[in-house]
Each structure stands twice: as structure tokens, then as C-alpha cells.
Amino acid sequence: MTATVTPTPASTADAGPRAVCAPLGALTSAWGRGNATAYGGSSPRTATYTTYVGTDCQGRRDIADTHRALFDGFVKDTGLADSFLSLRFYGPDTAVVTSRDDTYDGVEPLPAS
């Protein structure tokens, strides 16, 4: 997944990696509950999101609608394990986070070493 995150602190760089990546933790939690509204709502208003099958989503509503179909279908009752691959700051108010997400059934897998 690649998410373009535009946080609200005075400066993205000042917020630091934890603050910039925090919305992705909310996404993981919403996935585990199968809550598409929370999943989309956890995204920044201007987020872009590309699913692992290549579906391009623009903004909260599109992300929620896309995931509603997924949560009602083949990823129903799954969890989401994520890892951060990169974080780049492109100015005082913009960062791009690239992460890898894997779905799972049952117990969350340990992170790869």
C-alpha cells in the first residue's frame, strides 16, 4: 500500500515518523474489526490508496467504499499485518509512507526478520 499522508501538525517533519505513521495503525485496527467506515475515516481526507490488486482509491469515501466490498467478501474475518518500508518527507506538510500489508486468518504472524 502507498498512502499519501497530509497530517495536521504545524510541520510534518516536526511531527516525526510516529505521528506520520499513526493513521496506518488505525487502518490496521479498523481492518481487524471489518469496519469499512472506520477504515476510510482513518485515512487523511486527501489520501491516495492503491490496493494490492491495483485498485486506485482517492479520498476517504472511495477507500471506505472499496473496503466495504472487500470486508463483505473474500477478506471477511481476516486481520492485517503491516510493516513500514519507507517514509519520505517532501516539505513541511507532506510525507509519503510506503508499507507492506498482508492479510491473515487466526493469529497474527510475527514480523519478518
Protein backbone atom coordinates (compact mmCIF):
# COMPACT_ATOMS: atom_id res chain seq x y z
CA MET A 1 0.00 0.00 0.00
CA THR A 2 1.15 3.53 -0.66
CA ALA A 3 -0.63 6.22 1.28
CA THR A 4 -0.02 9.92 0.82
CA VAL A 5 -0.44 11.34 4.30
CA THR A 6 -1.00 15.02 4.97
CA PRO A 7 -1.05 15.34 8.79
CA THR A 8 -2.33 18.35 10.69
CA PRO A 9 0.70 19.27 12.87
CA ALA A 10 2.46 22.53 12.08
CA SER A 11 5.16 20.59 10.24
CA THR A 12 5.24 17.01 9.02
CA ALA A 13 8.97 16.82 9.64
CA ASP A 14 8.50 18.13 13.20
CA ALA A 15 5.78 15.55 13.87
CA GLY A 16 8.23 12.73 13.30
CA PRO A 17 7.74 9.24 11.91
CA ARG A 18 5.44 8.00 14.69
CA ALA A 19 2.92 10.79 14.20
CA VAL A 20 3.01 10.43 10.43
CA CYS A 21 2.58 6.63 10.57
CA ALA A 22 -0.07 6.60 13.35
CA PRO A 23 -3.00 6.74 10.91
CA LEU A 24 -1.83 3.42 9.45
CA GLY A 25 -2.21 1.78 12.87
CA ALA A 26 -5.82 2.97 12.90
CA LEU A 27 -6.29 1.38 9.46
CA THR A 28 -4.99 -1.96 10.75
CA SER A 29 -7.34 -1.82 13.72
CA ALA A 30 -10.36 -0.97 11.55
CA TRP A 31 -9.47 -3.84 9.20
CA GLY A 32 -9.46 -6.27 12.11
CA ARG A 33 -12.98 -5.14 13.01
CA GLY A 34 -14.14 -5.31 9.37
CA ASN A 35 -15.24 -1.69 9.71
CA ALA A 36 -15.01 -0.03 6.28
CA THR A 37 -16.31 3.32 7.54
CA ALA A 38 -13.57 3.49 10.19
CA TYR A 39 -11.02 2.22 7.66
CA GLY A 40 -11.81 5.06 5.26
CA GLY A 41 -12.22 7.55 8.11
CA SER A 42 -8.75 6.71 9.42
CA SER A 43 -7.28 7.96 6.17
CA PRO A 44 -6.43 11.59 5.59
CA ARG A 45 -9.10 13.42 3.60
CA THR A 46 -6.76 13.70 0.61
CA ALA A 47 -5.30 10.18 0.84
CA THR A 48 -4.47 8.12 -2.18
CA TYR A 49 -4.54 4.37 -1.71
CA THR A 50 -3.69 1.56 -4.08
CA THR A 51 -4.94 -1.90 -3.15
CA TYR A 52 -2.82 -4.98 -3.70
CA VAL A 53 -4.90 -5.84 -6.77
CA GLY A 54 -4.22 -2.39 -8.22
CA THR A 55 -7.47 -0.59 -7.43
CA ASP A 56 -6.72 3.13 -7.08
CA CYS A 57 -8.74 4.90 -4.38
CA GLN A 58 -8.94 8.67 -3.97
CA GLY A 59 -10.03 10.06 -0.61
CA ARG A 60 -11.82 8.69 2.44
CA ARG A 61 -15.17 7.83 0.84
CA ASP A 62 -13.59 5.90 -2.04
CA ILE A 63 -11.32 4.00 0.37
CA ALA A 64 -14.29 3.12 2.59
CA ASP A 65 -16.50 2.02 -0.31
CA THR A 66 -13.76 -0.16 -1.80
CA HIS A 67 -13.05 -1.84 1.55
CA ARG A 68 -16.74 -2.34 2.34
CA ALA A 69 -16.91 -4.67 -0.66
CA LEU A 70 -13.71 -6.44 0.42
CA PHE A 71 -14.84 -6.86 4.05
CA ASP A 72 -18.14 -8.32 2.87
CA GLY A 73 -16.29 -10.68 0.55
CA PHE A 74 -13.01 -12.53 0.39
CA VAL A 75 -11.17 -10.73 3.24
CA LYS A 76 -14.07 -11.07 5.69
CA ASP A 77 -12.89 -12.04 9.19
CA THR A 78 -9.19 -11.57 8.39
CA GLY A 79 -6.57 -9.48 10.14
CA LEU A 80 -4.00 -7.16 8.62
CA ALA A 81 -0.29 -7.32 9.45
CA ASP A 82 1.70 -4.32 8.29
CA SER A 83 5.28 -3.16 8.09
CA PHE A 84 6.72 0.17 7.05
CA LEU A 85 9.11 0.15 4.10
CA SER A 86 9.89 3.83 3.73
CA LEU A 87 8.94 7.29 4.89
CA ARG A 88 9.89 10.34 2.86
CA PHE A 89 9.29 13.97 3.76
CA TYR A 90 8.62 16.22 0.76
CA GLY A 91 8.31 19.53 2.55
CA PRO A 92 6.99 20.94 5.80
CA ASP A 93 3.49 19.46 5.42
CA THR A 94 3.76 16.36 3.20
CA ALA A 95 5.10 12.86 3.70
CA VAL A 96 4.79 9.68 1.67
CA VAL A 97 4.67 6.39 3.56
CA THR A 98 5.14 3.08 1.78
CA SER A 99 4.11 -0.01 3.68
CA ARG A 100 3.57 -3.68 3.07
CA ASP A 101 0.39 -5.29 4.34
CA ASP A 102 -0.52 -8.96 4.48
CA THR A 103 -3.87 -10.46 5.42
CA TYR A 104 -4.07 -13.43 7.73
CA ASP A 105 -6.58 -15.72 9.43
CA GLY A 106 -6.23 -16.54 13.13
CA VAL A 107 -3.09 -15.48 14.98
CA GLU A 108 -1.13 -12.51 13.66
CA PRO A 109 2.18 -13.65 12.14
CA LEU A 110 5.47 -12.42 13.57
CA PRO A 111 7.25 -9.73 11.54
CA ALA A 112 9.84 -10.99 9.09
CA SER A 113 13.39 -10.60 10.33
